[in-house]
């Protein structure tokens, strides 16, 4: 799933918010600034997705609040 999302983000330069279960924010891209949720992305196996799989040079990792 994340590979598909990253591919779309590479070809569409608009703003984006990816939610899981319509409440948990996985990532955002607003005005070209990509922010990954620290609860989902990391550098080891304790996270859902590894940051090495993110095809962008510039991004920030921080804790994102619930959407609801």
PDB file of N, CA and C in Angstrom:
ATOM      1  N   UNK A   1       0.816  -1.184   0.000  1.00  0.00           N
ATOM      2  CA  UNK A   1       0.000   0.000   0.000  1.00  0.00           C
ATOM      3  C   UNK A   1       0.870   1.262   0.000  1.00  0.00           C
ATOM      4  N   UNK A   2       1.888   1.298   0.874  1.00  0.00           N
ATOM      5  CA  UNK A   2       2.694   2.513   0.972  1.00  0.00           C
ATOM      6  C   UNK A   2       3.481   2.764  -0.304  1.00  0.00           C
ATOM      7  N   UNK A   3       3.922   1.724  -0.985  1.00  0.00           N
ATOM      8  CA  UNK A   3       4.631   1.903  -2.258  1.00  0.00           C
ATOM      9  C   UNK A   3       3.719   2.589  -3.272  1.00  0.00           C
ATOM     10  N   UNK A   4       2.456   2.210  -3.321  1.00  0.00           N
ATOM     11  CA  UNK A   4       1.500   2.842  -4.229  1.00  0.00           C
ATOM     12  C   UNK A   4       1.282   4.306  -3.864  1.00  0.00           C
ATOM     13  N   UNK A   5       1.159   4.593  -2.579  1.00  0.00           N
ATOM     14  CA  UNK A   5       0.961   5.976  -2.134  1.00  0.00           C
ATOM     15  C   UNK A   5       2.173   6.831  -2.495  1.00  0.00           C
ATOM     16  N   UNK A   6       3.377   6.314  -2.252  1.00  0.00           N
ATOM     17  CA  UNK A   6       4.594   7.064  -2.565  1.00  0.00           C
ATOM     18  C   UNK A   6       4.723   7.302  -4.064  1.00  0.00           C
ATOM     19  N   UNK A   7       4.313   6.335  -4.868  1.00  0.00           N
ATOM     20  CA  UNK A   7       4.350   6.507  -6.328  1.00  0.00           C
ATOM     21  C   UNK A   7       3.410   7.627  -6.756  1.00  0.00           C
ATOM     22  N   UNK A   8       2.217   7.647  -6.204  1.00  0.00           N
ATOM     23  CA  UNK A   8       1.270   8.721  -6.523  1.00  0.00           C
ATOM     24  C   UNK A   8       1.838  10.079  -6.114  1.00  0.00           C
ATOM     25  N   UNK A   9       2.433  10.155  -4.932  1.00  0.00           N
ATOM     26  CA  UNK A   9       3.004  11.425  -4.466  1.00  0.00           C
ATOM     27  C   UNK A   9       4.152  11.909  -5.354  1.00  0.00           C
ATOM     28  N   UNK A  10       4.867  10.982  -5.982  1.00  0.00           N
ATOM     29  CA  UNK A  10       5.959  11.371  -6.874  1.00  0.00           C
ATOM     30  C   UNK A  10       5.448  12.018  -8.158  1.00  0.00           C
ATOM     31  N   UNK A  11       4.254  11.658  -8.593  1.00  0.00           N
ATOM     32  CA  UNK A  11       3.730  12.151  -9.864  1.00  0.00           C
ATOM     33  C   UNK A  11       2.637  13.204  -9.716  1.00  0.00           C
ATOM     34  N   UNK A  12       2.105  13.360  -8.539  1.00  0.00           N
ATOM     35  CA  UNK A  12       1.095  14.377  -8.272  1.00  0.00           C
ATOM     36  C   UNK A  12       1.652  15.284  -7.191  1.00  0.00           C
ATOM     37  N   UNK A  13       1.772  16.560  -7.472  1.00  0.00           N
ATOM     38  CA  UNK A  13       2.461  17.471  -6.570  1.00  0.00           C
ATOM     39  C   UNK A  13       1.522  18.261  -5.658  1.00  0.00           C
ATOM     40  N   UNK A  14       0.261  17.864  -5.615  1.00  0.00           N
ATOM     41  CA  UNK A  14      -0.705  18.555  -4.773  1.00  0.00           C
ATOM     42  C   UNK A  14      -0.576  18.165  -3.309  1.00  0.00           C
ATOM     43  N   UNK A  15      -1.389  18.806  -2.494  1.00  0.00           N
ATOM     44  CA  UNK A  15      -1.432  18.485  -1.069  1.00  0.00           C
ATOM     45  C   UNK A  15      -2.057  17.104  -0.874  1.00  0.00           C
ATOM     46  N   UNK A  16      -1.674  16.438   0.218  1.00  0.00           N
ATOM     47  CA  UNK A  16      -2.200  15.096   0.481  1.00  0.00           C
ATOM     48  C   UNK A  16      -2.219  14.821   1.973  1.00  0.00           C
ATOM     49  N   UNK A  17      -3.214  14.053   2.382  1.00  0.00           N
ATOM     50  CA  UNK A  17      -3.285  13.524   3.737  1.00  0.00           C
ATOM     51  C   UNK A  17      -3.669  12.060   3.600  1.00  0.00           C
ATOM     52  N   UNK A  18      -2.884  11.175   4.192  1.00  0.00           N
ATOM     53  CA  UNK A  18      -3.197   9.753   4.147  1.00  0.00           C
ATOM     54  C   UNK A  18      -3.649   9.344   5.543  1.00  0.00           C
ATOM     55  N   UNK A  19      -4.863   8.820   5.600  1.00  0.00           N
ATOM     56  CA  UNK A  19      -5.459   8.383   6.865  1.00  0.00           C
ATOM     57  C   UNK A  19      -5.592   6.868   6.879  1.00  0.00           C
ATOM     58  N   UNK A  20      -5.540   6.303   8.064  1.00  0.00           N
ATOM     59  CA  UNK A  20      -5.841   4.894   8.248  1.00  0.00           C
ATOM     60  C   UNK A  20      -7.088   4.819   9.110  1.00  0.00           C
ATOM     61  N   UNK A  21      -8.055   4.062   8.695  1.00  0.00           N
ATOM     62  CA  UNK A  21      -9.335   3.933   9.403  1.00  0.00           C
ATOM     63  C   UNK A  21     -10.037   5.280   9.583  1.00  0.00           C
ATOM     64  N   UNK A  22      -9.808   6.194   8.673  1.00  0.00           N
ATOM     65  CA  UNK A  22     -10.430   7.528   8.660  1.00  0.00           C
ATOM     66  C   UNK A  22     -10.157   8.366   9.904  1.00  0.00           C
ATOM     67  N   UNK A  23      -9.139   8.018  10.692  1.00  0.00           N
ATOM     68  CA  UNK A  23      -8.849   8.823  11.882  1.00  0.00           C
ATOM     69  C   UNK A  23      -7.365   8.931  12.203  1.00  0.00           C
ATOM     70  N   UNK A  24      -6.579   7.964  11.822  1.00  0.00           N
ATOM     71  CA  UNK A  24      -5.166   7.935  12.162  1.00  0.00           C
ATOM     72  C   UNK A  24      -4.364   8.499  10.995  1.00  0.00           C
ATOM     73  N   UNK A  25      -3.664   9.622  11.205  1.00  0.00           N
ATOM     74  CA  UNK A  25      -2.906  10.260  10.134  1.00  0.00           C
ATOM     75  C   UNK A  25      -1.576   9.533   9.945  1.00  0.00           C
ATOM     76  N   UNK A  26      -1.349   9.025   8.747  1.00  0.00           N
ATOM     77  CA  UNK A  26      -0.111   8.322   8.404  1.00  0.00           C
ATOM     78  C   UNK A  26       0.937   9.310   7.904  1.00  0.00           C
ATOM     79  N   UNK A  27       0.515  10.212   7.012  1.00  0.00           N
ATOM     80  CA  UNK A  27       1.424  11.231   6.497  1.00  0.00           C
ATOM     81  C   UNK A  27       0.624  12.397   5.947  1.00  0.00           C
ATOM     82  N   UNK A  28       1.303  13.522   5.820  1.00  0.00           N
ATOM     83  CA  UNK A  28       0.711  14.697   5.182  1.00  0.00           C
ATOM     84  C   UNK A  28       1.730  15.309   4.236  1.00  0.00           C
ATOM     85  N   UNK A  29       1.236  15.945   3.205  1.00  0.00           N
ATOM     86  CA  UNK A  29       2.073  16.789   2.362  1.00  0.00           C
ATOM     87  C   UNK A  29       1.281  18.059   2.094  1.00  0.00           C
ATOM     88  N   UNK A  30       1.721  19.147   2.681  1.00  0.00           N
ATOM     89  CA  UNK A  30       1.063  20.438   2.548  1.00  0.00           C
ATOM     90  C   UNK A  30       2.089  21.429   2.010  1.00  0.00           C
ATOM     91  N   UNK A  31       1.732  22.111   0.923  1.00  0.00           N
ATOM     92  CA  UNK A  31       2.646  23.070   0.280  1.00  0.00           C
ATOM     93  C   UNK A  31       4.010  22.462  -0.005  1.00  0.00           C
ATOM     94  N   UNK A  32       4.027  21.195  -0.418  1.00  0.00           N
ATOM     95  CA  UNK A  32       5.269  20.527  -0.789  1.00  0.00           C
ATOM     96  C   UNK A  32       6.075  19.960   0.359  1.00  0.00           C
ATOM     97  N   UNK A  33       5.641  20.168   1.601  1.00  0.00           N
ATOM     98  CA  UNK A  33       6.376  19.679   2.773  1.00  0.00           C
ATOM     99  C   UNK A  33       5.778  18.348   3.225  1.00  0.00           C
ATOM    100  N   UNK A  34       6.569  17.284   3.105  1.00  0.00           N
ATOM    101  CA  UNK A  34       6.126  15.944   3.467  1.00  0.00           C
ATOM    102  C   UNK A  34       6.459  15.676   4.934  1.00  0.00           C
ATOM    103  N   UNK A  35       5.444  15.273   5.704  1.00  0.00           N
ATOM    104  CA  UNK A  35       5.618  14.930   7.111  1.00  0.00           C
ATOM    105  C   UNK A  35       5.111  13.511   7.318  1.00  0.00           C
ATOM    106  N   UNK A  36       5.977  12.648   7.841  1.00  0.00           N
ATOM    107  CA  UNK A  36       5.640  11.265   8.133  1.00  0.00           C
ATOM    108  C   UNK A  36       5.348  11.138   9.618  1.00  0.00           C
ATOM    109  N   UNK A  37       4.344  10.354   9.958  1.00  0.00           N
ATOM    110  CA  UNK A  37       3.989  10.142  11.355  1.00  0.00           C
ATOM    111  C   UNK A  37       5.045   9.251  12.015  1.00  0.00           C
ATOM    112  N   UNK A  38       5.629   9.722  13.083  1.00  0.00           N
ATOM    113  CA  UNK A  38       6.679   8.983  13.782  1.00  0.00           C
ATOM    114  C   UNK A  38       6.170   7.677  14.382  1.00  0.00           C
ATOM    115  N   UNK A  39       4.870   7.558  14.559  1.00  0.00           N
ATOM    116  CA  UNK A  39       4.301   6.315  15.087  1.00  0.00           C
ATOM    117  C   UNK A  39       4.216   5.237  14.012  1.00  0.00           C
ATOM    118  N   UNK A  40       4.344   5.630  12.732  1.00  0.00           N
ATOM    119  CA  UNK A  40       4.245   4.683  11.627  1.00  0.00           C
ATOM    120  C   UNK A  40       5.575   4.433  10.932  1.00  0.00           C
ATOM    121  N   UNK A  41       6.429   5.460  10.861  1.00  0.00           N
ATOM    122  CA  UNK A  41       7.676   5.366  10.104  1.00  0.00           C
ATOM    123  C   UNK A  41       8.872   5.379  11.039  1.00  0.00           C
ATOM    124  N   UNK A  42       9.854   4.558  10.718  1.00  0.00           N
ATOM    125  CA  UNK A  42      11.076   4.519  11.501  1.00  0.00           C
ATOM    126  C   UNK A  42      12.194   3.867  10.714  1.00  0.00           C
ATOM    127  N   UNK A  43      13.254   3.508  11.412  1.00  0.00           N
ATOM    128  CA  UNK A  43      14.411   2.908  10.751  1.00  0.00           C
ATOM    129  C   UNK A  43      14.611   1.452  11.140  1.00  0.00           C
ATOM    130  N   UNK A  44      13.733   0.927  11.964  1.00  0.00           N
ATOM    131  CA  UNK A  44      13.865  -0.473  12.359  1.00  0.00           C
ATOM    132  C   UNK A  44      12.513  -1.177  12.260  1.00  0.00           C
ATOM    133  N   UNK A  45      12.461  -2.402  12.730  1.00  0.00           N
ATOM    134  CA  UNK A  45      11.265  -3.229  12.535  1.00  0.00           C
ATOM    135  C   UNK A  45      10.127  -2.954  13.509  1.00  0.00           C
ATOM    136  N   UNK A  46      10.279  -1.985  14.404  1.00  0.00           N
ATOM    137  CA  UNK A  46       9.192  -1.706  15.336  1.00  0.00           C
ATOM    138  C   UNK A  46       8.140  -0.766  14.755  1.00  0.00           C
ATOM    139  N   UNK A  47       8.312  -0.351  13.512  1.00  0.00           N
ATOM    140  CA  UNK A  47       7.363   0.549  12.843  1.00  0.00           C
ATOM    141  C   UNK A  47       6.705  -0.188  11.675  1.00  0.00           C
ATOM    142  N   UNK A  48       5.609   0.366  11.176  1.00  0.00           N
ATOM    143  CA  UNK A  48       4.913  -0.256  10.048  1.00  0.00           C
ATOM    144  C   UNK A  48       5.714  -0.130   8.769  1.00  0.00           C
ATOM    145  N   UNK A  49       6.324   1.056   8.556  1.00  0.00           N
ATOM    146  CA  UNK A  49       7.065   1.300   7.323  1.00  0.00           C
ATOM    147  C   UNK A  49       8.438   1.838   7.651  1.00  0.00           C
ATOM    148  N   UNK A  50       9.423   1.454   6.837  1.00  0.00           N
ATOM    149  CA  UNK A  50      10.793   1.879   7.028  1.00  0.00           C
ATOM    150  C   UNK A  50      11.059   3.148   6.224  1.00  0.00           C
ATOM    151  N   UNK A  51      11.744   4.105   6.819  1.00  0.00           N
ATOM    152  CA  UNK A  51      12.009   5.360   6.117  1.00  0.00           C
ATOM    153  C   UNK A  51      12.905   5.167   4.904  1.00  0.00           C
ATOM    154  N   UNK A  52      13.652   4.068   4.828  1.00  0.00           N
ATOM    155  CA  UNK A  52      14.490   3.844   3.642  1.00  0.00           C
ATOM    156  C   UNK A  52      13.650   3.604   2.389  1.00  0.00           C
ATOM    157  N   UNK A  53      12.388   3.284   2.569  1.00  0.00           N
ATOM    158  CA  UNK A  53      11.485   3.058   1.442  1.00  0.00           C
ATOM    159  C   UNK A  53      10.800   4.339   0.964  1.00  0.00           C
ATOM    160  N   UNK A  54      11.081   5.462   1.607  1.00  0.00           N
ATOM    161  CA  UNK A  54      10.494   6.745   1.221  1.00  0.00           C
ATOM    162  C   UNK A  54      11.362   7.339   0.107  1.00  0.00           C
ATOM    163  N   UNK A  55      10.805   7.530  -1.100  1.00  0.00           N
ATOM    164  CA  UNK A  55      11.613   7.939  -2.253  1.00  0.00           C
ATOM    165  C   UNK A  55      11.883   9.448  -2.350  1.00  0.00           C
ATOM    166  N   UNK A  56      11.734  10.168  -1.270  1.00  0.00           N
ATOM    167  CA  UNK A  56      11.939  11.614  -1.293  1.00  0.00           C
ATOM    168  C   UNK A  56      13.180  11.961  -0.475  1.00  0.00           C
ATOM    169  N   UNK A  57      13.927  12.954  -0.932  1.00  0.00           N
ATOM    170  CA  UNK A  57      15.119  13.389  -0.204  1.00  0.00           C
ATOM    171  C   UNK A  57      14.753  14.199   1.024  1.00  0.00           C
ATOM    172  N   UNK A  58      13.675  14.942   0.938  1.00  0.00           N
ATOM    173  CA  UNK A  58      13.322  15.855   2.018  1.00  0.00           C
ATOM    174  C   UNK A  58      11.982  15.470   2.632  1.00  0.00           C
ATOM    175  N   UNK A  59      12.015  15.167   3.911  1.00  0.00           N
ATOM    176  CA  UNK A  59      10.793  14.917   4.673  1.00  0.00           C
ATOM    177  C   UNK A  59      11.100  15.105   6.144  1.00  0.00           C
ATOM    178  N   UNK A  60      10.047  15.246   6.917  1.00  0.00           N
ATOM    179  CA  UNK A  60      10.172  15.413   8.358  1.00  0.00           C
ATOM    180  C   UNK A  60       9.410  14.273   9.018  1.00  0.00           C
ATOM    181  N   UNK A  61       9.920  13.818  10.144  1.00  0.00           N
ATOM    182  CA  UNK A  61       9.222  12.788  10.912  1.00  0.00           C
ATOM    183  C   UNK A  61       8.823  13.398  12.245  1.00  0.00           C
ATOM    184  N   UNK A  62       7.531  13.388  12.524  1.00  0.00           N
ATOM    185  CA  UNK A  62       7.065  13.866  13.814  1.00  0.00           C
ATOM    186  C   UNK A  62       5.734  13.202  14.139  1.00  0.00           C
ATOM    187  N   UNK A  63       5.332  13.312  15.394  1.00  0.00           N
ATOM    188  CA  UNK A  63       4.072  12.710  15.813  1.00  0.00           C
ATOM    189  C   UNK A  63       2.921  13.577  15.311  1.00  0.00           C
ATOM    190  N   UNK A  64       2.018  12.950  14.595  1.00  0.00           N
ATOM    191  CA  UNK A  64       0.847  13.638  14.070  1.00  0.00           C
ATOM    192  C   UNK A  64      -0.372  13.231  14.894  1.00  0.00           C
ATOM    193  N   UNK A  65      -1.237  14.187  15.157  1.00  0.00           N
ATOM    194  CA  UNK A  65      -2.427  13.959  15.977  1.00  0.00           C
ATOM    195  C   UNK A  65      -3.494  13.188  15.203  1.00  0.00           C
ATOM    196  N   UNK A  66      -4.492  12.712  15.920  1.00  0.00           N
ATOM    197  CA  UNK A  66      -5.640  12.070  15.286  1.00  0.00           C
ATOM    198  C   UNK A  66      -6.393  13.086  14.441  1.00  0.00           C
ATOM    199  N   UNK A  67      -6.962  12.624  13.346  1.00  0.00           N
ATOM    200  CA  UNK A  67      -7.700  13.510  12.448  1.00  0.00           C
ATOM    201  C   UNK A  67      -9.038  13.933  13.047  1.00  0.00           C
ATOM    202  N   UNK A  68      -9.645  13.080  13.863  1.00  0.00           N
ATOM    203  CA  UNK A  68     -10.962  13.348  14.392  1.00  0.00           C
ATOM    204  C   UNK A  68     -10.871  14.220  15.560  1.00  0.00           C
TER     205      UNK A  68
END
